Amino acid sequence: MSLINAPKQLTIGVVSTPGDPQLGTVINGVVEVIRQHGGRVINSAAPIDLIGVPLPASDVIDGWVVVHWQEGLQALTATGIPVVTVNLAADD
């Protein structure tokens, strides 16, 4: 079997804020589903606006899942990398 025709393994960045124990259940579920589908996960447990955009590893991320927090969300969506938000509302 040739690796040239092998499908690319997706890498999903999960962005959350630390400190809320209820978020752990949500994040663990997101990570489990990504891994069940053969994806890799890079977790960032710090505010987007604190780290700055582009976030670390943005060059290998195929999509972002932002859990329960939105500071810096507009800057992240402006990068063109797909973003899924969980438990928050994004401004248009």
Protein backbone atom coordinates (compact mmCIF):
# COMPACT_ATOMS: atom_id res chain seq x y z
CA MET A 1 0.00 0.00 0.00
CA SER A 2 1.37 3.37 -1.01
CA LEU A 3 1.45 6.17 1.53
CA ILE A 4 1.20 8.68 -1.28
CA ASN A 5 -2.52 7.97 -1.64
CA ALA A 6 -3.17 7.68 2.11
CA PRO A 7 -5.70 10.20 3.44
CA LYS A 8 -4.30 13.06 5.47
CA GLN A 9 -4.68 12.76 9.23
CA LEU A 10 -6.68 15.77 10.43
CA THR A 11 -5.30 17.86 13.26
CA ILE A 12 -7.87 19.74 15.32
CA GLY A 13 -6.99 22.47 17.80
CA VAL A 14 -9.17 22.59 20.90
CA VAL A 15 -9.21 26.00 22.62
CA SER A 16 -10.63 26.36 26.13
CA THR A 17 -10.08 28.24 29.34
CA PRO A 18 -8.76 26.49 32.44
CA GLY A 19 -10.53 26.33 35.76
CA ASP A 20 -14.09 25.20 35.07
CA PRO A 21 -14.39 21.50 35.98
CA GLN A 22 -17.60 21.10 33.95
CA LEU A 23 -15.72 22.01 30.79
CA GLY A 24 -13.53 18.94 31.25
CA THR A 25 -16.45 16.70 30.33
CA VAL A 26 -17.13 18.68 27.16
CA ILE A 27 -13.47 18.80 26.15
CA ASN A 28 -12.96 15.08 26.82
CA GLY A 29 -15.97 14.32 24.63
CA VAL A 30 -14.68 16.50 21.79
CA VAL A 31 -11.23 14.89 22.00
CA GLU A 32 -12.72 11.38 22.07
CA VAL A 33 -14.78 11.96 18.91
CA ILE A 34 -11.83 13.47 17.04
CA ARG A 35 -9.61 10.51 17.96
CA GLN A 36 -12.34 7.99 17.04
CA HIS A 37 -12.21 9.42 13.54
CA GLY A 38 -8.43 9.13 13.34
CA GLY A 39 -7.66 12.77 14.06
CA ARG A 40 -5.00 14.34 16.24
CA VAL A 41 -5.73 16.94 18.89
CA ILE A 42 -3.70 19.91 20.04
CA ASN A 43 -5.19 21.50 23.16
CA SER A 44 -4.71 25.13 24.15
CA ALA A 45 -6.02 25.92 27.62
CA ALA A 46 -5.38 29.65 27.51
CA PRO A 47 -7.25 32.71 26.19
CA ILE A 48 -6.83 33.46 22.48
CA ASP A 49 -6.30 37.16 23.18
CA LEU A 50 -3.59 36.35 25.74
CA ILE A 51 -1.66 34.04 23.40
CA GLY A 52 -2.37 36.02 20.24
CA VAL A 53 -3.27 34.97 16.73
CA PRO A 54 -1.94 32.96 15.05
CA LEU A 55 -2.11 30.46 17.88
CA PRO A 56 0.79 28.03 18.32
CA ALA A 57 0.65 25.14 15.83
CA SER A 58 -1.71 27.07 13.52
CA ASP A 59 0.42 25.94 10.58
CA VAL A 60 -0.64 22.30 11.17
CA ILE A 61 -4.23 22.85 12.34
CA ASP A 62 -7.04 21.86 9.97
CA GLY A 63 -9.81 23.26 12.18
CA TRP A 64 -10.48 24.73 15.62
CA VAL A 65 -13.01 23.79 18.29
CA VAL A 66 -13.49 26.69 20.72
CA VAL A 67 -15.10 25.59 24.00
CA HIS A 68 -16.98 28.05 26.25
CA TRP A 69 -15.15 31.23 25.60
CA GLN A 70 -14.91 33.93 22.97
CA GLU A 71 -12.27 36.60 23.62
CA GLY A 72 -10.26 36.77 20.41
CA LEU A 73 -12.72 34.59 18.47
CA GLN A 74 -13.08 37.10 15.63
CA ALA A 75 -9.32 37.19 15.11
CA LEU A 76 -9.23 33.38 15.05
CA THR A 77 -12.05 33.12 12.49
CA ALA A 78 -10.30 35.75 10.34
CA THR A 79 -7.41 33.31 9.75
CA GLY A 80 -9.61 31.30 7.38
CA ILE A 81 -9.19 28.05 9.32
CA PRO A 82 -12.63 26.54 10.07
CA VAL A 83 -13.88 27.21 13.63
CA VAL A 84 -16.59 25.33 15.54
CA THR A 85 -17.86 26.93 18.73
CA VAL A 86 -19.29 24.92 21.63
CA ASN A 87 -21.39 26.53 24.39
CA LEU A 88 -20.97 30.11 23.22
CA ALA A 89 -22.32 32.53 20.67
CA ALA A 90 -20.11 34.20 18.08
CA ASP A 91 -20.86 37.77 16.99
CA ASP A 92 -21.39 38.27 13.26
